[in-house]
Amino acid sequence: MHAGSRRSACGRTRSRWGDSVKTVADFKKLAVPGSVWQSVNLAHPGASGTRTIIRGSSVLSYAFKNADGKEGSNGRLEMPKSSEVQFDEANPSTIHFLVPGLNGPTIGWSWTLVHSGTGRAS
């Protein structure tokens, strides 16, 4: 276990940032209604901002507020496959979404958990 990590009551490793995202299953457990994520879009920085999950499990609906000032509640994200994401050991509450690149998959955008949700649809 890394310095700054601790075991939660259920035995999962948690970091100083909170819950760890080490698998798509972890992301699915944490991406529940009310959870807030910070999105960083490398291709379109203006589309970076907060994402608040509204509902869904296999397809997430979310409200967003982007760095460019655009706001809405029609965001949609299909639950990724393991091959479509990367996990960040330096920040275990972050998931990186991969896009095709010239030399293989590259990170297109990332979501970092800011606040855990209730798990209940609003």
N, C-alpha and C. Protein backbone atom coordinates (compact mmCIF):
# COMPACT_ATOMS: atom_id res chain seq x y z
N MET A 1 0.85 -1.18 0.00
CA MET A 1 0.00 0.00 0.00
C MET A 1 0.90 1.24 0.00
N HIS A 2 0.50 2.28 -0.73
CA HIS A 2 1.27 3.51 -0.83
C HIS A 2 1.13 4.36 0.43
N ALA A 3 2.14 5.21 0.67
CA ALA A 3 2.04 6.17 1.78
C ALA A 3 0.84 7.06 1.51
N GLY A 4 0.07 7.34 2.50
CA GLY A 4 -1.12 8.17 2.33
C GLY A 4 -2.36 7.37 2.00
N SER A 5 -2.19 6.05 1.79
CA SER A 5 -3.34 5.20 1.51
C SER A 5 -3.82 4.55 2.80
N ARG A 6 -5.05 4.11 2.77
CA ARG A 6 -5.60 3.39 3.93
C ARG A 6 -6.67 2.44 3.43
N ARG A 7 -7.00 1.46 4.23
CA ARG A 7 -8.06 0.52 3.88
C ARG A 7 -9.38 1.04 4.40
N SER A 8 -10.41 0.96 3.55
CA SER A 8 -11.75 1.34 3.98
C SER A 8 -12.35 0.18 4.75
N ALA A 9 -13.54 0.37 5.30
CA ALA A 9 -14.21 -0.66 6.08
C ALA A 9 -14.47 -1.91 5.24
N CYS A 10 -14.69 -1.74 3.94
CA CYS A 10 -14.97 -2.90 3.09
C CYS A 10 -13.68 -3.52 2.54
N GLY A 11 -12.51 -3.00 2.94
CA GLY A 11 -11.24 -3.57 2.54
C GLY A 11 -10.66 -2.99 1.27
N ARG A 12 -11.38 -2.07 0.60
CA ARG A 12 -10.86 -1.43 -0.60
C ARG A 12 -9.81 -0.41 -0.22
N THR A 13 -8.80 -0.26 -1.06
CA THR A 13 -7.78 0.75 -0.81
C THR A 13 -8.33 2.12 -1.15
N ARG A 14 -8.15 3.05 -0.25
CA ARG A 14 -8.58 4.43 -0.48
C ARG A 14 -7.35 5.31 -0.40
N SER A 15 -7.33 6.36 -1.18
CA SER A 15 -6.21 7.28 -1.15
C SER A 15 -6.60 8.50 -0.35
N ARG A 16 -5.65 9.41 -0.21
CA ARG A 16 -5.96 10.66 0.48
C ARG A 16 -6.99 11.48 -0.28
N TRP A 17 -7.21 11.14 -1.57
CA TRP A 17 -8.22 11.84 -2.37
C TRP A 17 -9.59 11.22 -2.20
N GLY A 18 -9.69 10.07 -1.56
CA GLY A 18 -10.98 9.42 -1.39
C GLY A 18 -10.98 8.06 -2.05
N ASP A 19 -12.10 7.70 -2.64
CA ASP A 19 -12.24 6.37 -3.24
C ASP A 19 -11.34 6.20 -4.45
N SER A 20 -10.81 4.99 -4.59
CA SER A 20 -9.93 4.67 -5.72
C SER A 20 -10.73 4.20 -6.92
N VAL A 21 -10.27 4.57 -8.10
CA VAL A 21 -10.83 4.10 -9.36
C VAL A 21 -9.72 3.29 -10.02
N LYS A 22 -9.78 1.97 -9.84
CA LYS A 22 -8.75 1.10 -10.40
C LYS A 22 -9.29 0.18 -11.48
N THR A 23 -10.62 0.13 -11.59
CA THR A 23 -11.28 -0.72 -12.58
C THR A 23 -12.53 0.00 -13.08
N VAL A 24 -13.07 -0.49 -14.20
CA VAL A 24 -14.34 0.06 -14.69
C VAL A 24 -15.44 -0.19 -13.66
N ALA A 25 -15.37 -1.31 -12.97
CA ALA A 25 -16.37 -1.61 -11.92
C ALA A 25 -16.30 -0.56 -10.80
N ASP A 26 -15.10 -0.13 -10.42
CA ASP A 26 -14.96 0.94 -9.42
C ASP A 26 -15.60 2.23 -9.93
N PHE A 27 -15.33 2.57 -11.19
CA PHE A 27 -15.91 3.78 -11.78
C PHE A 27 -17.43 3.69 -11.75
N LYS A 28 -17.97 2.54 -12.12
CA LYS A 28 -19.42 2.36 -12.15
C LYS A 28 -20.03 2.52 -10.75
N LYS A 29 -19.33 2.02 -9.72
CA LYS A 29 -19.82 2.16 -8.34
C LYS A 29 -19.79 3.61 -7.87
N LEU A 30 -18.83 4.38 -8.37
CA LEU A 30 -18.66 5.77 -7.92
C LEU A 30 -19.43 6.78 -8.78
N ALA A 31 -19.69 6.44 -10.04
CA ALA A 31 -20.38 7.36 -10.96
C ALA A 31 -21.89 7.20 -10.78
N VAL A 32 -22.38 7.63 -9.63
CA VAL A 32 -23.79 7.49 -9.27
C VAL A 32 -24.41 8.88 -9.17
N PRO A 33 -25.75 8.95 -9.22
CA PRO A 33 -26.41 10.26 -9.11
C PRO A 33 -25.90 11.07 -7.92
N GLY A 34 -25.59 12.30 -8.21
CA GLY A 34 -25.09 13.22 -7.18
C GLY A 34 -23.59 13.31 -7.14
N SER A 35 -22.87 12.33 -7.74
CA SER A 35 -21.41 12.43 -7.73
C SER A 35 -20.97 13.53 -8.68
N VAL A 36 -19.91 14.23 -8.29
CA VAL A 36 -19.38 15.35 -9.08
C VAL A 36 -17.97 14.99 -9.52
N TRP A 37 -17.70 15.20 -10.79
CA TRP A 37 -16.41 14.88 -11.39
C TRP A 37 -15.85 16.12 -12.08
N GLN A 38 -14.54 16.27 -12.04
CA GLN A 38 -13.86 17.33 -12.79
C GLN A 38 -13.36 16.69 -14.07
N SER A 39 -13.80 17.22 -15.21
CA SER A 39 -13.42 16.69 -16.51
C SER A 39 -12.35 17.59 -17.12
N VAL A 40 -11.31 16.98 -17.65
CA VAL A 40 -10.27 17.71 -18.39
C VAL A 40 -10.24 17.12 -19.78
N ASN A 41 -10.58 17.94 -20.78
CA ASN A 41 -10.61 17.52 -22.17
C ASN A 41 -9.35 18.05 -22.85
N LEU A 42 -8.45 17.16 -23.25
CA LEU A 42 -7.17 17.58 -23.82
C LEU A 42 -7.31 18.16 -25.22
N ALA A 43 -8.25 17.67 -26.02
CA ALA A 43 -8.44 18.15 -27.39
C ALA A 43 -9.22 19.46 -27.42
N HIS A 44 -10.15 19.63 -26.50
CA HIS A 44 -11.01 20.81 -26.47
C HIS A 44 -11.05 21.37 -25.04
N PRO A 45 -10.02 22.13 -24.63
CA PRO A 45 -9.94 22.62 -23.24
C PRO A 45 -11.18 23.38 -22.78
N GLY A 46 -11.87 24.07 -23.67
CA GLY A 46 -13.08 24.80 -23.30
C GLY A 46 -14.20 23.88 -22.85
N ALA A 47 -14.12 22.59 -23.26
CA ALA A 47 -15.12 21.61 -22.87
C ALA A 47 -14.78 20.95 -21.54
N SER A 48 -13.70 21.36 -20.90
CA SER A 48 -13.36 20.86 -19.57
C SER A 48 -14.29 21.53 -18.56
N GLY A 49 -14.49 20.90 -17.42
CA GLY A 49 -15.34 21.49 -16.38
C GLY A 49 -15.93 20.42 -15.50
N THR A 50 -16.98 20.78 -14.77
CA THR A 50 -17.59 19.83 -13.83
C THR A 50 -18.68 19.01 -14.51
N ARG A 51 -18.82 17.79 -14.04
CA ARG A 51 -19.86 16.86 -14.49
C ARG A 51 -20.55 16.32 -13.25
N THR A 52 -21.86 16.51 -13.17
CA THR A 52 -22.64 16.00 -12.04
C THR A 52 -23.58 14.93 -12.57
N ILE A 53 -23.41 13.71 -12.09
CA ILE A 53 -24.21 12.59 -12.58
C ILE A 53 -25.66 12.79 -12.13
N ILE A 54 -26.59 12.66 -13.10
CA ILE A 54 -28.02 12.80 -12.83
C ILE A 54 -28.66 11.43 -12.67
N ARG A 55 -28.37 10.51 -13.60
CA ARG A 55 -28.95 9.17 -13.55
C ARG A 55 -28.16 8.26 -14.49
N GLY A 56 -28.47 6.96 -14.36
CA GLY A 56 -27.91 5.98 -15.26
C GLY A 56 -26.90 5.06 -14.61
N SER A 57 -26.67 3.93 -15.28
CA SER A 57 -25.62 3.02 -14.83
C SER A 57 -24.80 2.53 -16.03
N SER A 58 -25.46 2.06 -17.09
CA SER A 58 -24.70 1.67 -18.28
C SER A 58 -24.50 2.86 -19.22
N VAL A 59 -25.43 3.81 -19.20
CA VAL A 59 -25.28 5.09 -19.90
C VAL A 59 -25.56 6.18 -18.87
N LEU A 60 -24.55 6.99 -18.61
CA LEU A 60 -24.70 8.05 -17.60
C LEU A 60 -25.25 9.32 -18.22
N SER A 61 -26.20 9.94 -17.55
CA SER A 61 -26.68 11.28 -17.91
C SER A 61 -26.07 12.22 -16.89
N TYR A 62 -25.57 13.37 -17.37
CA TYR A 62 -24.95 14.30 -16.43
C TYR A 62 -25.20 15.75 -16.82
N ALA A 63 -25.18 16.59 -15.80
CA ALA A 63 -25.22 18.03 -16.00
C ALA A 63 -23.77 18.49 -16.09
N PHE A 64 -23.53 19.55 -16.84
CA PHE A 64 -22.16 20.02 -17.00
C PHE A 64 -22.07 21.53 -16.93
N LYS A 65 -20.91 21.98 -16.53
CA LYS A 65 -20.56 23.39 -16.57
C LYS A 65 -19.12 23.43 -17.08
N ASN A 66 -18.96 23.93 -18.32
CA ASN A 66 -17.67 23.93 -18.97
C ASN A 66 -16.86 25.19 -18.70
N ALA A 67 -15.57 25.08 -18.93
CA ALA A 67 -14.66 26.22 -18.77
C ALA A 67 -15.03 27.37 -19.71
N ASP A 68 -15.63 27.05 -20.86
CA ASP A 68 -16.02 28.10 -21.81
C ASP A 68 -17.35 28.76 -21.45
N GLY A 69 -17.93 28.38 -20.29
CA GLY A 69 -19.16 29.00 -19.81
C GLY A 69 -20.43 28.25 -20.20
N LYS A 70 -20.32 27.30 -21.09
CA LYS A 70 -21.49 26.53 -21.52
C LYS A 70 -21.97 25.64 -20.38
N GLU A 71 -23.29 25.61 -20.16
CA GLU A 71 -23.90 24.76 -19.14
C GLU A 71 -25.03 23.98 -19.77
N GLY A 72 -25.31 22.82 -19.22
CA GLY A 72 -26.42 22.01 -19.71
C GLY A 72 -26.65 20.81 -18.83
N SER A 73 -27.69 20.07 -19.19
CA SER A 73 -28.02 18.87 -18.42
C SER A 73 -28.26 17.70 -19.36
N ASN A 74 -27.68 17.78 -20.56
CA ASN A 74 -27.89 16.73 -21.54
C ASN A 74 -26.61 15.96 -21.87
N GLY A 75 -25.65 15.95 -20.93
CA GLY A 75 -24.43 15.18 -21.14
C GLY A 75 -24.72 13.69 -21.09
N ARG A 76 -23.97 12.93 -21.87
CA ARG A 76 -24.20 11.49 -21.95
C ARG A 76 -22.85 10.79 -22.07
N LEU A 77 -22.67 9.73 -21.30
CA LEU A 77 -21.44 8.95 -21.35
C LEU A 77 -21.79 7.47 -21.22
N GLU A 78 -21.44 6.69 -22.24
CA GLU A 78 -21.63 5.24 -22.15
C GLU A 78 -20.55 4.68 -21.25
N MET A 79 -20.91 3.73 -20.40
CA MET A 79 -19.95 3.11 -19.51
C MET A 79 -18.85 2.49 -20.38
N PRO A 80 -17.60 2.85 -20.14
CA PRO A 80 -16.51 2.38 -21.02
C PRO A 80 -16.17 0.91 -20.79
N LYS A 81 -15.51 0.34 -21.79
CA LYS A 81 -14.93 -0.99 -21.66
C LYS A 81 -13.53 -0.81 -21.08
N SER A 82 -12.99 -1.84 -20.49
CA SER A 82 -11.65 -1.78 -19.89
C SER A 82 -10.59 -1.31 -20.90
N SER A 83 -10.75 -1.71 -22.15
CA SER A 83 -9.77 -1.35 -23.19
C SER A 83 -9.86 0.12 -23.59
N GLU A 84 -10.90 0.82 -23.15
CA GLU A 84 -11.11 2.21 -23.54
C GLU A 84 -10.67 3.22 -22.49
N VAL A 85 -10.09 2.72 -21.39
CA VAL A 85 -9.70 3.60 -20.29
C VAL A 85 -8.32 3.23 -19.74
N GLN A 86 -7.77 4.17 -18.97
CA GLN A 86 -6.53 3.97 -18.23
C GLN A 86 -6.76 4.50 -16.84
N PHE A 87 -6.05 3.96 -15.87
CA PHE A 87 -6.19 4.41 -14.50
C PHE A 87 -4.90 5.07 -14.05
N ASP A 88 -5.01 6.01 -13.13
CA ASP A 88 -3.90 6.86 -12.75
C ASP A 88 -3.45 6.52 -11.33
N GLU A 89 -2.27 5.88 -11.21
CA GLU A 89 -1.77 5.53 -9.89
C GLU A 89 -1.40 6.76 -9.07
N ALA A 90 -0.98 7.83 -9.73
CA ALA A 90 -0.60 9.06 -9.02
C ALA A 90 -1.83 9.74 -8.42
N ASN A 91 -2.98 9.62 -9.06
CA ASN A 91 -4.23 10.18 -8.55
C ASN A 91 -5.31 9.12 -8.72
N PRO A 92 -5.45 8.24 -7.73
CA PRO A 92 -6.33 7.09 -7.88
C PRO A 92 -7.82 7.39 -7.96
N SER A 93 -8.22 8.65 -7.91
CA SER A 93 -9.64 8.98 -8.10
C SER A 93 -9.88 9.49 -9.53
N THR A 94 -8.92 9.23 -10.43
CA THR A 94 -9.02 9.69 -11.82
C THR A 94 -9.10 8.51 -12.78
N ILE A 95 -9.95 8.67 -13.80
CA ILE A 95 -10.05 7.72 -14.90
C ILE A 95 -9.78 8.48 -16.19
N HIS A 96 -8.93 7.93 -17.05
CA HIS A 96 -8.59 8.54 -18.34
C HIS A 96 -9.32 7.77 -19.44
N PHE A 97 -9.99 8.49 -20.32
CA PHE A 97 -10.70 7.91 -21.45
C PHE A 97 -9.80 7.99 -22.68
N LEU A 98 -9.62 6.85 -23.34
CA LEU A 98 -8.71 6.76 -24.47
C LEU A 98 -9.42 7.00 -25.80
N VAL A 99 -8.68 7.60 -26.72
CA VAL A 99 -9.16 7.81 -28.09
C VAL A 99 -8.07 7.29 -29.03
N PRO A 100 -8.45 6.91 -30.26
CA PRO A 100 -7.44 6.43 -31.21
C PRO A 100 -6.40 7.52 -31.50
N GLY A 101 -5.14 7.12 -31.58
CA GLY A 101 -4.06 8.04 -31.92
C GLY A 101 -3.19 7.44 -33.01
N LEU A 102 -2.28 8.21 -33.55
CA LEU A 102 -1.42 7.72 -34.62
C LEU A 102 -0.55 6.55 -34.17
N ASN A 103 -0.09 6.58 -32.94
CA ASN A 103 0.76 5.51 -32.41
C ASN A 103 0.02 4.66 -31.38
N GLY A 104 -1.28 4.49 -31.58
CA GLY A 104 -2.09 3.72 -30.64
C GLY A 104 -2.95 4.65 -29.80
N PRO A 105 -3.71 4.08 -28.87
CA PRO A 105 -4.62 4.89 -28.05
C PRO A 105 -3.88 5.95 -27.23
N THR A 106 -4.51 7.09 -27.09
CA THR A 106 -3.97 8.19 -26.29
C THR A 106 -5.09 8.75 -25.42
N ILE A 107 -4.75 9.46 -24.37
CA ILE A 107 -5.77 10.02 -23.48
C ILE A 107 -6.47 11.18 -24.17
N GLY A 108 -7.79 11.10 -24.25
CA GLY A 108 -8.60 12.16 -24.85
C GLY A 108 -9.14 13.10 -23.79
N TRP A 109 -9.63 12.52 -22.69
CA TRP A 109 -10.12 13.31 -21.57
C TRP A 109 -10.05 12.48 -20.31
N SER A 110 -10.13 13.16 -19.18
CA SER A 110 -10.05 12.50 -17.88
C SER A 110 -11.15 13.01 -16.98
N TRP A 111 -11.63 12.15 -16.08
CA TRP A 111 -12.58 12.54 -15.04
C TRP A 111 -11.95 12.23 -13.69
N THR A 112 -12.00 13.18 -12.78
CA THR A 112 -11.51 13.00 -11.42
C THR A 112 -12.67 13.22 -10.46
N LEU A 113 -12.88 12.27 -9.55
CA LEU A 113 -13.96 12.38 -8.58
C LEU A 113 -13.70 13.53 -7.62
N VAL A 114 -14.67 14.44 -7.53
CA VAL A 114 -14.58 15.57 -6.62
C VAL A 114 -15.43 15.33 -5.38
N HIS A 115 -16.63 14.75 -5.59
CA HIS A 115 -17.57 14.54 -4.50
C HIS A 115 -18.38 13.29 -4.78
N SER A 116 -18.47 12.39 -3.80
CA SER A 116 -19.25 11.16 -3.95
C SER A 116 -20.73 11.47 -3.97
N GLY A 117 -21.49 10.66 -4.67
CA GLY A 117 -22.93 10.86 -4.77
C GLY A 117 -23.71 10.00 -3.82
N THR A 118 -25.02 10.14 -3.90
CA THR A 118 -25.93 9.40 -3.02
C THR A 118 -26.29 8.05 -3.60
N GLY A 119 -26.21 7.94 -4.93
CA GLY A 119 -26.64 6.70 -5.58
C GLY A 119 -28.11 6.71 -5.92
N ARG A 120 -28.83 7.75 -5.56
CA ARG A 120 -30.26 7.85 -5.86
C ARG A 120 -30.48 8.84 -7.00
N ALA A 121 -31.32 8.48 -7.93
CA ALA A 121 -31.63 9.38 -9.04
C ALA A 121 -32.36 10.62 -8.52
N SER A 122 -32.07 11.75 -9.13
CA SER A 122 -32.74 12.98 -8.70
C SER A 122 -33.93 13.30 -9.57
